[in-house]
Amino acid sequence: MNSHYPPLTTAYLRHQSELQQFLLRQVNCRETAADLLQDTFLHIADYPGQDAIINCRAFLYRVAGNLALDYLRSQARQHARDGGTLDEDWLCPSPQPERFVQSEQQWSAVESWLYDLPVLSQQILCLRRLDGKRHQQIAAELQVSERHVEHVLYRTGRMLAGDDF
């Protein structure tokens, strides 16, 4: 390893593959584990006081484990908020005519409801649901707090669940 790197970066480069495996076991998704590994690096890259850390490898595992735990908690909250995965009947290749009309009516109601939301709420909802962005990314893009993004998504989810679409 190159000695001009900070201690945590050197440790990260040395233990990168085992951290990836650790994260993969935690979240059970290769892409998410790769994202979390990258987030781990971003957290440690400019960490102040790196010379004071006695065990860099343990520190890396702590950061990666905390990120994985945060991810799993947010997934659990999202699952609880959204009601889980879609049922198979939503994926019917050839819906009956009455289901088609009913779906069109439901979409019209949802579209009307969506356009009645404040513009910021519309943006947050679209960035999350259509673009698949994380709360942190949405907050940074719209220059609002992450807590505000969570609040808007929670509130709109409750509103949507309460309406009869």
C-alpha atoms as a PDB file:
ATOM      1  CA  MET A   1       0.000   0.000   0.000  1.00  0.00           C
ATOM      2  CA  ASN A   2       1.043   3.538  -0.607  1.00  0.00           C
ATOM      3  CA  SER A   3       2.016   5.208   2.665  1.00  0.00           C
ATOM      4  CA  HIS A   4       0.776   8.649   1.603  1.00  0.00           C
ATOM      5  CA  TYR A   5      -2.860   7.556   2.005  1.00  0.00           C
ATOM      6  CA  PRO A   6      -4.607   8.278   5.311  1.00  0.00           C
ATOM      7  CA  PRO A   7      -4.754   5.253   7.669  1.00  0.00           C
ATOM      8  CA  LEU A   8      -8.470   4.551   7.110  1.00  0.00           C
ATOM      9  CA  THR A   9      -8.102   4.685   3.334  1.00  0.00           C
ATOM     10  CA  THR A  10      -5.175   2.279   3.513  1.00  0.00           C
ATOM     11  CA  ALA A  11      -7.199  -0.076   5.724  1.00  0.00           C
ATOM     12  CA  TYR A  12     -10.207   0.259   3.398  1.00  0.00           C
ATOM     13  CA  LEU A  13      -8.120  -0.688   0.367  1.00  0.00           C
ATOM     14  CA  ARG A  14      -6.604  -3.630   2.244  1.00  0.00           C
ATOM     15  CA  HIS A  15      -9.954  -4.985   3.531  1.00  0.00           C
ATOM     16  CA  GLN A  16     -12.276  -3.931   0.717  1.00  0.00           C
ATOM     17  CA  SER A  17     -13.195  -7.418  -0.506  1.00  0.00           C
ATOM     18  CA  GLU A  18     -13.904  -8.792   2.966  1.00  0.00           C
ATOM     19  CA  LEU A  19     -16.000  -5.698   3.771  1.00  0.00           C
ATOM     20  CA  GLN A  20     -17.967  -6.354   0.567  1.00  0.00           C
ATOM     21  CA  GLN A  21     -18.639  -9.944   1.692  1.00  0.00           C
ATOM     22  CA  PHE A  22     -19.617  -8.747   5.165  1.00  0.00           C
ATOM     23  CA  LEU A  23     -22.105  -6.264   3.692  1.00  0.00           C
ATOM     24  CA  LEU A  24     -23.433  -8.869   1.269  1.00  0.00           C
ATOM     25  CA  ARG A  25     -24.197 -11.180   4.205  1.00  0.00           C
ATOM     26  CA  GLN A  26     -25.911  -8.300   6.018  1.00  0.00           C
ATOM     27  CA  VAL A  27     -28.198  -7.080   3.205  1.00  0.00           C
ATOM     28  CA  ASN A  28     -28.344 -10.142   0.910  1.00  0.00           C
ATOM     29  CA  CYS A  29     -28.084  -8.046  -2.266  1.00  0.00           C
ATOM     30  CA  ARG A  30     -24.880  -7.625  -4.267  1.00  0.00           C
ATOM     31  CA  GLU A  31     -25.789  -4.169  -5.661  1.00  0.00           C
ATOM     32  CA  THR A  32     -26.834  -2.804  -2.263  1.00  0.00           C
ATOM     33  CA  ALA A  33     -23.685  -4.203  -0.679  1.00  0.00           C
ATOM     34  CA  ALA A  34     -21.615  -2.408  -3.341  1.00  0.00           C
ATOM     35  CA  ASP A  35     -23.496   0.839  -2.660  1.00  0.00           C
ATOM     36  CA  LEU A  36     -22.947   0.480   1.068  1.00  0.00           C
ATOM     37  CA  LEU A  37     -19.271  -0.269   0.522  1.00  0.00           C
ATOM     38  CA  GLN A  38     -18.966   2.941  -1.460  1.00  0.00           C
ATOM     39  CA  ASP A  39     -20.863   4.828   1.271  1.00  0.00           C
ATOM     40  CA  THR A  40     -18.420   3.375   3.792  1.00  0.00           C
ATOM     41  CA  PHE A  41     -15.527   4.829   1.857  1.00  0.00           C
ATOM     42  CA  LEU A  42     -17.253   8.205   1.605  1.00  0.00           C
ATOM     43  CA  HIS A  43     -17.747   8.218   5.381  1.00  0.00           C
ATOM     44  CA  ILE A  44     -14.119   7.441   6.163  1.00  0.00           C
ATOM     45  CA  ALA A  45     -12.322   9.313   3.370  1.00  0.00           C
ATOM     46  CA  ASP A  46     -12.119  12.650   5.178  1.00  0.00           C
ATOM     47  CA  TYR A  47     -12.735  11.409   8.693  1.00  0.00           C
ATOM     48  CA  PRO A  48     -10.972  13.731  11.147  1.00  0.00           C
ATOM     49  CA  GLY A  49      -8.514  12.318  13.659  1.00  0.00           C
ATOM     50  CA  GLN A  50      -7.684   9.144  11.752  1.00  0.00           C
ATOM     51  CA  ASP A  51      -4.317   8.891  13.475  1.00  0.00           C
ATOM     52  CA  ALA A  52      -6.089   8.466  16.822  1.00  0.00           C
ATOM     53  CA  ILE A  53      -7.952   5.329  15.664  1.00  0.00           C
ATOM     54  CA  ILE A  54      -6.225   2.288  17.142  1.00  0.00           C
ATOM     55  CA  ASN A  55      -7.902  -0.456  15.099  1.00  0.00           C
ATOM     56  CA  CYS A  56      -8.783   0.812  11.608  1.00  0.00           C
ATOM     57  CA  ARG A  57     -10.229  -2.527  10.478  1.00  0.00           C
ATOM     58  CA  ALA A  58     -12.651  -2.632  13.420  1.00  0.00           C
ATOM     59  CA  PHE A  59     -13.596   0.980  12.744  1.00  0.00           C
ATOM     60  CA  LEU A  60     -14.348   0.149   9.093  1.00  0.00           C
ATOM     61  CA  TYR A  61     -16.522  -2.773  10.125  1.00  0.00           C
ATOM     62  CA  ARG A  62     -18.370  -0.540  12.596  1.00  0.00           C
ATOM     63  CA  VAL A  63     -19.059   2.095   9.921  1.00  0.00           C
ATOM     64  CA  ALA A  64     -20.110  -0.522   7.340  1.00  0.00           C
ATOM     65  CA  GLY A  65     -22.264  -2.372   9.893  1.00  0.00           C
ATOM     66  CA  ASN A  66     -23.995   0.847  10.941  1.00  0.00           C
ATOM     67  CA  LEU A  67     -24.698   1.741   7.319  1.00  0.00           C
ATOM     68  CA  ALA A  68     -26.117  -1.732   6.695  1.00  0.00           C
ATOM     69  CA  LEU A  69     -28.284  -1.474   9.812  1.00  0.00           C
ATOM     70  CA  ASP A  70     -29.561   1.956   8.720  1.00  0.00           C
ATOM     71  CA  TYR A  71     -30.361   0.530   5.291  1.00  0.00           C
ATOM     72  CA  LEU A  72     -32.225  -2.482   6.705  1.00  0.00           C
ATOM     73  CA  ARG A  73     -34.198  -0.277   9.079  1.00  0.00           C
ATOM     74  CA  SER A  74     -35.213   2.063   6.263  1.00  0.00           C
ATOM     75  CA  GLN A  75     -36.254  -0.957   4.169  1.00  0.00           C
ATOM     76  CA  ALA A  76     -38.378  -2.258   7.044  1.00  0.00           C
ATOM     77  CA  ARG A  77     -40.008   1.170   7.468  1.00  0.00           C
ATOM     78  CA  GLN A  78     -40.644   1.377   3.731  1.00  0.00           C
ATOM     79  CA  HIS A  79     -42.112  -2.136   3.669  1.00  0.00           C
ATOM     80  CA  ALA A  80     -44.418  -1.279   6.572  1.00  0.00           C
ATOM     81  CA  ARG A  81     -45.391   2.031   4.994  1.00  0.00           C
ATOM     82  CA  ASP A  82     -45.962   0.696   1.475  1.00  0.00           C
ATOM     83  CA  GLY A  83     -47.643  -2.549   2.446  1.00  0.00           C
ATOM     84  CA  GLY A  84     -45.074  -4.926   0.989  1.00  0.00           C
ATOM     85  CA  THR A  85     -44.584  -6.245  -2.512  1.00  0.00           C
ATOM     86  CA  LEU A  86     -47.097  -6.230  -5.349  1.00  0.00           C
ATOM     87  CA  ASP A  87     -49.451  -9.168  -5.731  1.00  0.00           C
ATOM     88  CA  GLU A  88     -49.259 -11.330  -8.837  1.00  0.00           C
ATOM     89  CA  ASP A  89     -52.700 -10.170 -10.085  1.00  0.00           C
ATOM     90  CA  TRP A  90     -51.218  -6.693 -10.655  1.00  0.00           C
ATOM     91  CA  LEU A  91     -49.010  -8.274 -13.282  1.00  0.00           C
ATOM     92  CA  CYS A  92     -51.814  -9.915 -15.282  1.00  0.00           C
ATOM     93  CA  PRO A  93     -50.714 -10.010 -18.941  1.00  0.00           C
ATOM     94  CA  SER A  94     -54.247  -9.556 -20.315  1.00  0.00           C
ATOM     95  CA  PRO A  95     -56.694  -7.855 -17.942  1.00  0.00           C
ATOM     96  CA  GLN A  96     -60.411  -8.176 -18.465  1.00  0.00           C
ATOM     97  CA  PRO A  97     -62.209  -5.109 -19.920  1.00  0.00           C
ATOM     98  CA  GLU A  98     -63.848  -4.178 -16.613  1.00  0.00           C
ATOM     99  CA  ARG A  99     -60.452  -4.360 -14.851  1.00  0.00           C
ATOM    100  CA  PHE A 100     -59.033  -2.090 -17.551  1.00  0.00           C
ATOM    101  CA  VAL A 101     -61.781   0.504 -17.038  1.00  0.00           C
ATOM    102  CA  GLN A 102     -61.422   0.227 -13.264  1.00  0.00           C
ATOM    103  CA  SER A 103     -57.671   0.696 -13.565  1.00  0.00           C
ATOM    104  CA  GLU A 104     -58.143   3.767 -15.762  1.00  0.00           C
ATOM    105  CA  GLN A 105     -60.522   5.250 -13.186  1.00  0.00           C
ATOM    106  CA  GLN A 106     -58.120   4.499 -10.364  1.00  0.00           C
ATOM    107  CA  TRP A 107     -55.237   6.066 -12.267  1.00  0.00           C
ATOM    108  CA  SER A 108     -57.321   9.181 -12.936  1.00  0.00           C
ATOM    109  CA  ALA A 109     -58.108   9.458  -9.230  1.00  0.00           C
ATOM    110  CA  VAL A 110     -54.446   8.986  -8.257  1.00  0.00           C
ATOM    111  CA  GLU A 111     -53.321  11.478 -10.904  1.00  0.00           C
ATOM    112  CA  SER A 112     -55.835  14.046  -9.674  1.00  0.00           C
ATOM    113  CA  TRP A 113     -54.737  13.456  -6.092  1.00  0.00           C
ATOM    114  CA  LEU A 114     -51.088  13.812  -7.089  1.00  0.00           C
ATOM    115  CA  TYR A 115     -51.652  17.133  -8.846  1.00  0.00           C
ATOM    116  CA  ASP A 116     -53.486  18.458  -5.778  1.00  0.00           C
ATOM    117  CA  LEU A 117     -50.332  17.953  -3.683  1.00  0.00           C
ATOM    118  CA  PRO A 118     -47.943  20.867  -3.121  1.00  0.00           C
ATOM    119  CA  VAL A 119     -45.204  21.021  -5.759  1.00  0.00           C
ATOM    120  CA  LEU A 120     -42.454  20.072  -3.294  1.00  0.00           C
ATOM    121  CA  SER A 121     -44.417  16.998  -2.185  1.00  0.00           C
ATOM    122  CA  GLN A 122     -44.932  16.013  -5.832  1.00  0.00           C
ATOM    123  CA  GLN A 123     -41.213  16.342  -6.490  1.00  0.00           C
ATOM    124  CA  ILE A 124     -40.284  14.290  -3.417  1.00  0.00           C
ATOM    125  CA  LEU A 125     -42.780  11.564  -4.263  1.00  0.00           C
ATOM    126  CA  CYS A 126     -41.656  11.361  -7.903  1.00  0.00           C
ATOM    127  CA  LEU A 127     -37.961  11.329  -7.029  1.00  0.00           C
ATOM    128  CA  ARG A 128     -38.545   8.467  -4.578  1.00  0.00           C
ATOM    129  CA  ARG A 129     -41.083   6.357  -6.471  1.00  0.00           C
ATOM    130  CA  LEU A 130     -40.161   6.986 -10.105  1.00  0.00           C
ATOM    131  CA  ASP A 131     -36.427   7.661  -9.898  1.00  0.00           C
ATOM    132  CA  GLY A 132     -35.798   5.341  -6.923  1.00  0.00           C
ATOM    133  CA  LYS A 133     -33.637   7.883  -5.135  1.00  0.00           C
ATOM    134  CA  ARG A 134     -32.819   7.544  -1.456  1.00  0.00           C
ATOM    135  CA  HIS A 135     -34.069  10.027   1.123  1.00  0.00           C
ATOM    136  CA  GLN A 136     -30.595  11.487   1.514  1.00  0.00           C
ATOM    137  CA  GLN A 137     -30.248  12.054  -2.235  1.00  0.00           C
ATOM    138  CA  ILE A 138     -33.680  13.700  -2.470  1.00  0.00           C
ATOM    139  CA  ALA A 139     -32.915  15.999   0.459  1.00  0.00           C
ATOM    140  CA  ALA A 140     -29.648  17.096  -1.116  1.00  0.00           C
ATOM    141  CA  GLU A 141     -31.201  17.641  -4.543  1.00  0.00           C
ATOM    142  CA  LEU A 142     -34.154  19.671  -3.239  1.00  0.00           C
ATOM    143  CA  GLN A 143     -32.156  21.369  -0.473  1.00  0.00           C
ATOM    144  CA  VAL A 144     -34.449  20.248   2.340  1.00  0.00           C
ATOM    145  CA  SER A 145     -33.759  18.143   5.404  1.00  0.00           C
ATOM    146  CA  GLU A 146     -33.810  14.370   5.201  1.00  0.00           C
ATOM    147  CA  ARG A 147     -36.363  14.414   8.006  1.00  0.00           C
ATOM    148  CA  HIS A 148     -38.649  16.593   5.862  1.00  0.00           C
ATOM    149  CA  VAL A 149     -38.378  14.112   2.991  1.00  0.00           C
ATOM    150  CA  GLU A 150     -39.302  11.247   5.342  1.00  0.00           C
ATOM    151  CA  HIS A 151     -42.220  13.261   6.740  1.00  0.00           C
ATOM    152  CA  VAL A 152     -43.607  14.093   3.276  1.00  0.00           C
ATOM    153  CA  LEU A 153     -43.309  10.481   2.094  1.00  0.00           C
ATOM    154  CA  TYR A 154     -44.937   9.198   5.277  1.00  0.00           C
ATOM    155  CA  ARG A 155     -47.756  11.758   5.067  1.00  0.00           C
ATOM    156  CA  THR A 156     -48.439  11.148   1.372  1.00  0.00           C
ATOM    157  CA  GLY A 157     -48.324   7.386   1.916  1.00  0.00           C
ATOM    158  CA  ARG A 158     -50.917   7.679   4.671  1.00  0.00           C
ATOM    159  CA  MET A 159     -53.061   9.957   2.525  1.00  0.00           C
ATOM    160  CA  LEU A 160     -52.857   7.565  -0.396  1.00  0.00           C
ATOM    161  CA  ALA A 161     -53.660   4.557   1.777  1.00  0.00           C
ATOM    162  CA  GLY A 162     -56.635   6.367   3.325  1.00  0.00           C
ATOM    163  CA  ASP A 163     -58.248   7.329   0.002  1.00  0.00           C
ATOM    164  CA  ASP A 164     -60.398   4.825  -1.856  1.00  0.00           C
ATOM    165  CA  PHE A 165     -58.647   4.556  -5.202  1.00  0.00           C
END
